[in-house]
Each structure stands twice: as C-alpha cells, then as structure tokens.
C-alpha cells in the first residue's frame, strides 16, 4: 500500500542509494543547497550514519602526520596585530 507522500521500501532504497552517491560526488565541491535539502529528507538514522562516516574520514585525515605538519606550518609563527 502506498500512501501519498510516503515511499515504499524500493523507492526509499533507491532514493537512499542516490542520495549517498550524490553526497559522495559533492565531496570536492561542497554541498549545494539542493544536496543539503536532499540530505535532510533522509531518515535521521541514515543522516547520522553518513555524518559519522564523514567525521571518521575527517578524523583520520587530521591525524595523519603530513596533515599535522601542514597545519603546524600555517598555524605557527608570530601573531601580528595591526
């Protein structure tokens, strides 16, 4: 039974797969307003899962020695007040 405004399981799965693929494709360019709205339409548990994966990737990136050295270079130095 399909209720207007509700998705059946296959539609939800298809939308979910498209959403994840779309989010993966926007990593380099950032999230457009359309992509953010699409993300917000996902169930809360799915949004939390995706954000958790993204947080894990960010954590791994910032813990890499090369990323730490790069950050130290641009964050260190004299503080100049004008």
Protein backbone atom coordinates (compact mmCIF):
# COMPACT_ATOMS: atom_id res chain seq x y z
CA UNK A 1 0.00 0.00 0.00
CA UNK A 2 1.39 3.40 -0.97
CA UNK A 3 0.18 6.45 0.88
CA UNK A 4 0.55 9.79 -0.83
CA UNK A 5 3.73 11.46 0.39
CA UNK A 6 5.17 8.17 1.68
CA UNK A 7 7.72 6.00 -0.08
CA UNK A 8 7.55 2.24 -0.35
CA UNK A 9 10.68 0.24 0.52
CA UNK A 10 12.06 0.07 -3.04
CA UNK A 11 11.57 3.82 -3.56
CA UNK A 12 13.20 4.60 -0.22
CA UNK A 13 16.14 2.32 -1.01
CA UNK A 14 16.56 3.87 -4.46
CA UNK A 15 16.40 7.40 -3.03
CA UNK A 16 18.82 6.45 -0.27
CA UNK A 17 21.33 4.98 -2.74
CA UNK A 18 21.03 8.03 -4.99
CA UNK A 19 21.47 10.33 -2.00
CA UNK A 20 24.60 8.59 -0.79
CA UNK A 21 26.07 8.61 -4.30
CA UNK A 22 25.19 12.29 -4.70
CA UNK A 23 26.81 13.14 -1.38
CA UNK A 24 29.93 11.20 -2.34
CA UNK A 25 30.11 13.15 -5.62
CA UNK A 26 29.95 16.52 -3.84
CA UNK A 27 32.92 15.96 -1.55
CA UNK A 28 35.32 18.03 -3.62
CA UNK A 29 32.88 20.79 -4.49
CA UNK A 30 30.92 21.08 -1.26
CA UNK A 31 27.22 20.71 -0.73
CA UNK A 32 24.84 22.75 -2.81
CA UNK A 33 21.55 23.88 -1.35
CA UNK A 34 19.79 21.16 -3.35
CA UNK A 35 22.11 18.48 -1.95
CA UNK A 36 21.63 19.73 1.61
CA UNK A 37 17.87 19.60 1.19
CA UNK A 38 18.12 16.08 -0.23
CA UNK A 39 20.25 15.09 2.74
CA UNK A 40 17.68 16.49 5.18
CA UNK A 41 14.98 14.30 3.58
CA UNK A 42 16.86 11.17 4.61
CA UNK A 43 15.78 9.40 7.81
CA UNK A 44 17.56 10.60 10.94
CA UNK A 45 19.40 7.30 11.41
CA UNK A 46 20.74 7.47 7.84
CA UNK A 47 21.86 11.08 8.28
CA UNK A 48 23.65 10.15 11.50
CA UNK A 49 25.35 7.21 9.77
CA UNK A 50 26.55 9.39 6.88
CA UNK A 51 27.75 12.15 9.22
CA UNK A 52 29.52 9.56 11.35
CA UNK A 53 31.37 8.25 8.30
CA UNK A 54 32.32 11.77 7.29
CA UNK A 55 33.54 12.55 10.82
CA UNK A 56 35.63 9.38 10.82
CA UNK A 57 37.24 10.36 7.50
CA UNK A 58 37.94 13.87 8.79
CA UNK A 59 39.46 12.49 11.99
CA UNK A 60 41.68 10.14 10.02
CA UNK A 61 42.79 13.00 7.77
CA UNK A 62 43.70 15.34 10.62
CA UNK A 63 45.57 12.60 12.47
CA UNK A 64 47.89 11.95 9.51
CA UNK A 65 51.43 13.18 10.19
CA UNK A 66 51.57 15.10 6.89
CA UNK A 67 48.33 16.94 7.66
CA UNK A 68 49.61 17.77 11.16
CA UNK A 69 52.85 19.19 9.74
CA UNK A 70 50.93 21.27 7.22
CA UNK A 71 48.66 22.66 9.94
CA UNK A 72 51.63 23.47 12.16
CA UNK A 73 53.23 25.44 9.34
CA UNK A 74 50.27 27.73 8.76
CA UNK A 75 49.15 27.91 12.40
CA UNK A 76 52.55 28.61 13.92
CA UNK A 77 54.50 31.80 13.80
CA UNK A 78 54.18 35.26 15.17
CA UNK A 79 50.85 36.84 15.91
CA UNK A 80 50.74 40.24 14.28
CA UNK A 81 48.27 42.82 15.49
CA UNK A 82 47.56 45.78 13.27
